Every structure is written in C-alpha cells, then in structure tokens.
Amino acid sequence: ARPFYRLAASLSFAVAAVHLVIIFIGAPAYRFFDAGEQMARAAEAGSTLPALLTLGITIVLAVFGVYALAGAQDIPRLPFQRFALWAITGIYLLRGAAIFVELTVRLLGNPYAL
C-alpha cells in the first residue's frame, strides 16, 4: 500500500502545483482548464476572487498529499488520518466519476435529452 500512497501524494502535489500555475497565468489558464468563462472574465477584470478560490483548492490538494504521505508512513501519523484518507478517496472517486460523465456528454451529447 505504501507505493500507492506515495503515488497518490505525488499526484496530489502535482495537481496542486498546476493550480498555482493557473493563478499566475490567469484568464487563459482558467479558460484552458474549463473553469468557466465567469472565472476567466473576473481574472481579466483584476478580481482577486478567482485567484483566492484557486489558492483554496491548491491548499486542499496539498493537504490531501500530506495525508497520503502520512498514509505511506513517510511522515508522522496525522489527526483523523484513517477518516481523512477514506474521505479523500471518496472525493477523488466522485471527481473521477464526474469527469467520466462530463467526457461522455461532450463526446456523445446528452444521453438524457429527449
């Protein structure tokens, strides 16, 4: 299990780093990663909201990575570790399912439309 926790930590940290890069690139990155036109326009207008929201996501993803390192026993045990690792797993599974649905709709059209 330890190699899988290490892989999970690496991927969480990598995605957190991508979110940091998005903050610095700004509107084009929000558009590229499909964060929504409203986020891109807000960034173009100089609003700090897109950057703050993205920074919040970055912090959450980094915390996920730290918990994965604790799961790998590379760092000391963290509070609520067992619960946190199950919750993080659930969050990533739900996100993965959402991406699958989104890709299906984009590639095949809405299968629920009449």
N, C-alpha and C. Protein backbone atom coordinates (compact mmCIF):
# COMPACT_ATOMS: atom_id res chain seq x y z
N ALA A 1 0.82 -1.20 0.00
CA ALA A 1 0.00 0.00 0.00
C ALA A 1 0.87 1.26 0.00
N ARG A 2 2.05 1.18 0.57
CA ARG A 2 2.88 2.38 0.67
C ARG A 2 3.21 3.00 -0.68
N PRO A 3 3.55 2.19 -1.71
CA PRO A 3 3.83 2.83 -3.01
C PRO A 3 2.61 3.57 -3.58
N PHE A 4 1.42 3.03 -3.31
CA PHE A 4 0.21 3.68 -3.82
C PHE A 4 -0.05 5.00 -3.09
N TYR A 5 0.21 5.03 -1.80
CA TYR A 5 0.09 6.29 -1.06
C TYR A 5 1.10 7.31 -1.57
N ARG A 6 2.30 6.85 -1.86
CA ARG A 6 3.32 7.77 -2.39
C ARG A 6 2.91 8.30 -3.76
N LEU A 7 2.36 7.43 -4.59
CA LEU A 7 1.87 7.86 -5.91
C LEU A 7 0.74 8.87 -5.73
N ALA A 8 -0.18 8.58 -4.82
CA ALA A 8 -1.29 9.50 -4.56
C ALA A 8 -0.77 10.84 -4.08
N ALA A 9 0.22 10.84 -3.21
CA ALA A 9 0.81 12.09 -2.73
C ALA A 9 1.43 12.86 -3.88
N SER A 10 2.19 12.17 -4.71
CA SER A 10 2.84 12.83 -5.85
C SER A 10 1.82 13.45 -6.78
N LEU A 11 0.76 12.73 -7.08
CA LEU A 11 -0.26 13.25 -7.98
C LEU A 11 -1.02 14.43 -7.35
N SER A 12 -1.31 14.34 -6.07
CA SER A 12 -1.99 15.45 -5.39
C SER A 12 -1.11 16.70 -5.40
N PHE A 13 0.18 16.54 -5.11
CA PHE A 13 1.09 17.68 -5.14
C PHE A 13 1.24 18.24 -6.56
N ALA A 14 1.26 17.36 -7.56
CA ALA A 14 1.37 17.82 -8.95
C ALA A 14 0.15 18.64 -9.35
N VAL A 15 -1.04 18.16 -9.00
CA VAL A 15 -2.26 18.90 -9.34
C VAL A 15 -2.31 20.21 -8.56
N ALA A 16 -1.84 20.21 -7.33
CA ALA A 16 -1.77 21.45 -6.56
C ALA A 16 -0.83 22.44 -7.27
N ALA A 17 0.30 21.96 -7.76
CA ALA A 17 1.24 22.83 -8.47
C ALA A 17 0.61 23.40 -9.74
N VAL A 18 -0.15 22.59 -10.46
CA VAL A 18 -0.85 23.07 -11.66
C VAL A 18 -1.80 24.21 -11.28
N HIS A 19 -2.49 24.07 -10.17
CA HIS A 19 -3.40 25.13 -9.74
C HIS A 19 -2.64 26.42 -9.42
N LEU A 20 -1.46 26.31 -8.86
CA LEU A 20 -0.64 27.51 -8.63
C LEU A 20 -0.26 28.17 -9.95
N VAL A 21 0.10 27.37 -10.92
CA VAL A 21 0.46 27.91 -12.23
C VAL A 21 -0.75 28.61 -12.85
N ILE A 22 -1.93 28.04 -12.68
CA ILE A 22 -3.15 28.65 -13.21
C ILE A 22 -3.33 30.06 -12.65
N ILE A 23 -3.07 30.22 -11.37
CA ILE A 23 -3.20 31.54 -10.75
C ILE A 23 -2.30 32.55 -11.45
N PHE A 24 -1.06 32.16 -11.74
CA PHE A 24 -0.11 33.10 -12.33
C PHE A 24 -0.37 33.36 -13.81
N ILE A 25 -0.90 32.37 -14.53
CA ILE A 25 -1.22 32.58 -15.95
C ILE A 25 -2.48 33.42 -16.09
N GLY A 26 -3.45 33.15 -15.23
CA GLY A 26 -4.66 33.96 -15.26
C GLY A 26 -5.74 33.45 -16.20
N ALA A 27 -6.44 34.38 -16.82
CA ALA A 27 -7.63 34.08 -17.62
C ALA A 27 -7.42 32.98 -18.67
N PRO A 28 -6.32 33.01 -19.43
CA PRO A 28 -6.17 31.95 -20.43
C PRO A 28 -6.12 30.55 -19.80
N ALA A 29 -5.54 30.44 -18.63
CA ALA A 29 -5.47 29.13 -17.96
C ALA A 29 -6.84 28.72 -17.44
N TYR A 30 -7.59 29.69 -16.92
CA TYR A 30 -8.95 29.36 -16.46
C TYR A 30 -9.79 28.86 -17.63
N ARG A 31 -9.62 29.47 -18.79
CA ARG A 31 -10.35 29.01 -19.98
C ARG A 31 -9.85 27.63 -20.43
N PHE A 32 -8.54 27.46 -20.48
CA PHE A 32 -7.98 26.18 -20.94
C PHE A 32 -8.46 25.02 -20.07
N PHE A 33 -8.49 25.23 -18.76
CA PHE A 33 -8.89 24.17 -17.85
C PHE A 33 -10.39 24.18 -17.58
N ASP A 34 -11.12 24.96 -18.36
CA ASP A 34 -12.58 24.97 -18.35
C ASP A 34 -13.14 25.31 -16.97
N ALA A 35 -12.55 26.33 -16.34
CA ALA A 35 -13.03 26.76 -15.03
C ALA A 35 -14.28 27.64 -15.16
N GLY A 36 -14.62 28.00 -16.37
CA GLY A 36 -15.80 28.82 -16.61
C GLY A 36 -15.42 30.19 -17.10
N GLU A 37 -16.23 30.68 -18.01
CA GLU A 37 -15.98 32.00 -18.58
C GLU A 37 -16.07 33.09 -17.51
N GLN A 38 -16.95 32.90 -16.53
CA GLN A 38 -17.09 33.89 -15.47
C GLN A 38 -15.79 34.03 -14.67
N MET A 39 -15.14 32.91 -14.40
CA MET A 39 -13.85 32.96 -13.68
C MET A 39 -12.81 33.67 -14.54
N ALA A 40 -12.77 33.34 -15.83
CA ALA A 40 -11.79 33.96 -16.72
C ALA A 40 -12.02 35.46 -16.82
N ARG A 41 -13.27 35.87 -16.98
CA ARG A 41 -13.57 37.30 -17.07
C ARG A 41 -13.25 38.03 -15.77
N ALA A 42 -13.54 37.39 -14.65
CA ALA A 42 -13.22 38.01 -13.36
C ALA A 42 -11.71 38.20 -13.22
N ALA A 43 -10.94 37.21 -13.65
CA ALA A 43 -9.48 37.33 -13.60
C ALA A 43 -9.00 38.44 -14.51
N GLU A 44 -9.58 38.54 -15.70
CA GLU A 44 -9.21 39.62 -16.63
C GLU A 44 -9.54 40.99 -16.06
N ALA A 45 -10.63 41.06 -15.30
CA ALA A 45 -11.06 42.33 -14.72
C ALA A 45 -10.25 42.72 -13.49
N GLY A 46 -9.35 41.84 -13.07
CA GLY A 46 -8.50 42.15 -11.93
C GLY A 46 -9.07 41.71 -10.59
N SER A 47 -10.15 40.94 -10.62
CA SER A 47 -10.73 40.43 -9.38
C SER A 47 -9.76 39.44 -8.73
N THR A 48 -9.71 39.48 -7.40
CA THR A 48 -8.87 38.52 -6.69
C THR A 48 -9.62 37.22 -6.40
N LEU A 49 -10.93 37.20 -6.62
CA LEU A 49 -11.72 36.02 -6.30
C LEU A 49 -11.24 34.76 -7.01
N PRO A 50 -11.00 34.77 -8.34
CA PRO A 50 -10.51 33.54 -8.98
C PRO A 50 -9.21 33.03 -8.37
N ALA A 51 -8.29 33.94 -8.09
CA ALA A 51 -7.01 33.53 -7.50
C ALA A 51 -7.21 32.96 -6.11
N LEU A 52 -8.07 33.58 -5.31
CA LEU A 52 -8.31 33.09 -3.95
C LEU A 52 -9.00 31.72 -3.95
N LEU A 53 -9.97 31.56 -4.83
CA LEU A 53 -10.64 30.26 -4.93
C LEU A 53 -9.65 29.18 -5.38
N THR A 54 -8.84 29.51 -6.37
CA THR A 54 -7.86 28.55 -6.87
C THR A 54 -6.79 28.26 -5.81
N LEU A 55 -6.40 29.27 -5.05
CA LEU A 55 -5.45 29.05 -3.97
C LEU A 55 -6.05 28.13 -2.90
N GLY A 56 -7.33 28.30 -2.61
CA GLY A 56 -8.01 27.41 -1.67
C GLY A 56 -7.98 25.97 -2.14
N ILE A 57 -8.25 25.77 -3.43
CA ILE A 57 -8.19 24.42 -4.00
C ILE A 57 -6.77 23.88 -3.90
N THR A 58 -5.79 24.74 -4.17
CA THR A 58 -4.38 24.34 -4.09
C THR A 58 -4.04 23.84 -2.69
N ILE A 59 -4.48 24.58 -1.69
CA ILE A 59 -4.19 24.20 -0.30
C ILE A 59 -4.84 22.87 0.04
N VAL A 60 -6.09 22.69 -0.36
CA VAL A 60 -6.79 21.43 -0.09
C VAL A 60 -6.05 20.27 -0.75
N LEU A 61 -5.64 20.43 -2.00
CA LEU A 61 -4.92 19.36 -2.69
C LEU A 61 -3.57 19.06 -2.03
N ALA A 62 -2.90 20.09 -1.55
CA ALA A 62 -1.64 19.87 -0.84
C ALA A 62 -1.87 19.12 0.47
N VAL A 63 -2.93 19.45 1.17
CA VAL A 63 -3.27 18.73 2.40
C VAL A 63 -3.56 17.26 2.08
N PHE A 64 -4.27 17.02 0.97
CA PHE A 64 -4.50 15.64 0.54
C PHE A 64 -3.18 14.91 0.35
N GLY A 65 -2.20 15.59 -0.27
CA GLY A 65 -0.89 15.00 -0.47
C GLY A 65 -0.17 14.69 0.83
N VAL A 66 -0.29 15.58 1.79
CA VAL A 66 0.34 15.37 3.10
C VAL A 66 -0.28 14.16 3.79
N TYR A 67 -1.61 14.04 3.72
CA TYR A 67 -2.27 12.88 4.33
C TYR A 67 -1.83 11.59 3.63
N ALA A 68 -1.63 11.64 2.32
CA ALA A 68 -1.15 10.46 1.62
C ALA A 68 0.25 10.07 2.08
N LEU A 69 1.11 11.06 2.30
CA LEU A 69 2.44 10.77 2.83
C LEU A 69 2.35 10.15 4.22
N ALA A 70 1.40 10.62 5.03
CA ALA A 70 1.20 10.03 6.35
C ALA A 70 0.70 8.60 6.21
N GLY A 71 -0.16 8.36 5.23
CA GLY A 71 -0.64 7.00 4.98
C GLY A 71 0.49 6.07 4.56
N ALA A 72 1.47 6.62 3.85
CA ALA A 72 2.64 5.85 3.44
C ALA A 72 3.64 5.69 4.58
N GLN A 73 3.37 6.31 5.70
CA GLN A 73 4.23 6.29 6.87
C GLN A 73 5.57 6.97 6.60
N ASP A 74 5.56 7.94 5.68
CA ASP A 74 6.76 8.71 5.41
C ASP A 74 6.88 9.92 6.33
N ILE A 75 5.77 10.31 6.93
CA ILE A 75 5.74 11.37 7.93
C ILE A 75 4.91 10.85 9.10
N PRO A 76 4.98 11.52 10.25
CA PRO A 76 4.21 11.03 11.41
C PRO A 76 2.69 11.01 11.15
N ARG A 77 2.03 10.15 11.88
CA ARG A 77 0.58 10.00 11.78
C ARG A 77 -0.10 11.35 12.04
N LEU A 78 -1.16 11.64 11.30
CA LEU A 78 -1.88 12.90 11.42
C LEU A 78 -3.23 12.69 12.11
N PRO A 79 -3.79 13.77 12.65
CA PRO A 79 -5.11 13.64 13.29
C PRO A 79 -6.16 13.16 12.29
N PHE A 80 -7.03 12.29 12.76
CA PHE A 80 -8.14 11.77 11.95
C PHE A 80 -7.66 11.13 10.65
N GLN A 81 -6.47 10.55 10.67
CA GLN A 81 -5.85 10.05 9.44
C GLN A 81 -6.71 9.03 8.72
N ARG A 82 -7.20 8.03 9.44
CA ARG A 82 -7.99 6.99 8.78
C ARG A 82 -9.23 7.59 8.12
N PHE A 83 -9.96 8.40 8.87
CA PHE A 83 -11.16 9.04 8.32
C PHE A 83 -10.79 9.92 7.14
N ALA A 84 -9.73 10.73 7.28
CA ALA A 84 -9.32 11.65 6.22
C ALA A 84 -8.96 10.90 4.94
N LEU A 85 -8.23 9.80 5.07
CA LEU A 85 -7.85 9.05 3.88
C LEU A 85 -9.06 8.45 3.18
N TRP A 86 -10.03 7.96 3.95
CA TRP A 86 -11.27 7.45 3.35
C TRP A 86 -12.04 8.59 2.68
N ALA A 87 -12.13 9.73 3.35
CA ALA A 87 -12.85 10.87 2.79
C ALA A 87 -12.18 11.37 1.52
N ILE A 88 -10.86 11.47 1.53
CA ILE A 88 -10.11 11.92 0.35
C ILE A 88 -10.33 10.94 -0.80
N THR A 89 -10.29 9.66 -0.50
CA THR A 89 -10.54 8.65 -1.53
C THR A 89 -11.92 8.85 -2.14
N GLY A 90 -12.91 9.07 -1.28
CA GLY A 90 -14.27 9.30 -1.76
C GLY A 90 -14.38 10.53 -2.64
N ILE A 91 -13.71 11.60 -2.23
CA ILE A 91 -13.73 12.84 -3.02
C ILE A 91 -13.12 12.60 -4.39
N TYR A 92 -11.97 11.93 -4.43
CA TYR A 92 -11.34 11.67 -5.73
C TYR A 92 -12.18 10.72 -6.59
N LEU A 93 -12.83 9.74 -5.98
CA LEU A 93 -13.71 8.85 -6.75
C LEU A 93 -14.89 9.61 -7.34
N LEU A 94 -15.49 10.49 -6.55
CA LEU A 94 -16.60 11.29 -7.06
C LEU A 94 -16.14 12.22 -8.17
N ARG A 95 -14.98 12.82 -8.01
CA ARG A 95 -14.45 13.71 -9.04
C ARG A 95 -14.15 12.93 -10.32
N GLY A 96 -13.60 11.74 -10.16
CA GLY A 96 -13.34 10.90 -11.33
C GLY A 96 -14.62 10.51 -12.05
N ALA A 97 -15.66 10.19 -11.29
CA ALA A 97 -16.94 9.84 -11.90
C ALA A 97 -17.52 11.05 -12.63
N ALA A 98 -17.38 12.23 -12.03
CA ALA A 98 -17.89 13.44 -12.67
C ALA A 98 -17.17 13.71 -13.99
N ILE A 99 -15.88 13.49 -14.01
CA ILE A 99 -15.12 13.70 -15.25
C ILE A 99 -15.58 12.70 -16.31
N PHE A 100 -15.81 11.46 -15.91
CA PHE A 100 -16.28 10.44 -16.85
C PHE A 100 -17.61 10.86 -17.46
N VAL A 101 -18.53 11.32 -16.63
CA VAL A 101 -19.84 11.77 -17.11
C VAL A 101 -19.68 12.96 -18.04
N GLU A 102 -18.84 13.92 -17.65
CA GLU A 102 -18.62 15.11 -18.47
C GLU A 102 -18.04 14.74 -19.84
N LEU A 103 -17.06 13.86 -19.85
CA LEU A 103 -16.48 13.44 -21.13
C LEU A 103 -17.49 12.70 -21.99
N THR A 104 -18.31 11.87 -21.38
CA THR A 104 -19.34 11.15 -22.12
C THR A 104 -20.31 12.12 -22.76
N VAL A 105 -20.75 13.11 -22.01
CA VAL A 105 -21.69 14.10 -22.54
C VAL A 105 -21.04 14.89 -23.67
N ARG A 106 -19.78 15.27 -23.50
CA ARG A 106 -19.11 16.06 -24.54
C ARG A 106 -18.88 15.25 -25.81
N LEU A 107 -18.55 13.97 -25.64
CA LEU A 107 -18.26 13.13 -26.82
C LEU A 107 -19.51 12.60 -27.49
N LEU A 108 -20.53 12.26 -26.72
CA LEU A 108 -21.71 11.61 -27.28
C LEU A 108 -22.95 12.52 -27.28
N GLY A 109 -22.85 13.67 -26.67
CA GLY A 109 -24.03 14.51 -26.49
C GLY A 109 -24.76 14.06 -25.24
N ASN A 110 -25.77 14.79 -24.87
CA ASN A 110 -26.52 14.47 -23.65
C ASN A 110 -27.40 13.25 -23.88
N PRO A 111 -27.07 12.11 -23.23
CA PRO A 111 -27.87 10.91 -23.46
C PRO A 111 -29.26 10.98 -22.83
N TYR A 112 -29.49 12.00 -21.98
CA TYR A 112 -30.79 12.11 -21.31
C TYR A 112 -31.71 13.11 -22.00
N ALA A 113 -31.22 13.78 -23.04
CA ALA A 113 -32.07 14.73 -23.76
C ALA A 113 -33.11 13.97 -24.58
N LEU A 114 -34.28 14.54 -24.65
CA LEU A 114 -35.36 13.89 -25.42
C LEU A 114 -35.29 14.24 -26.87
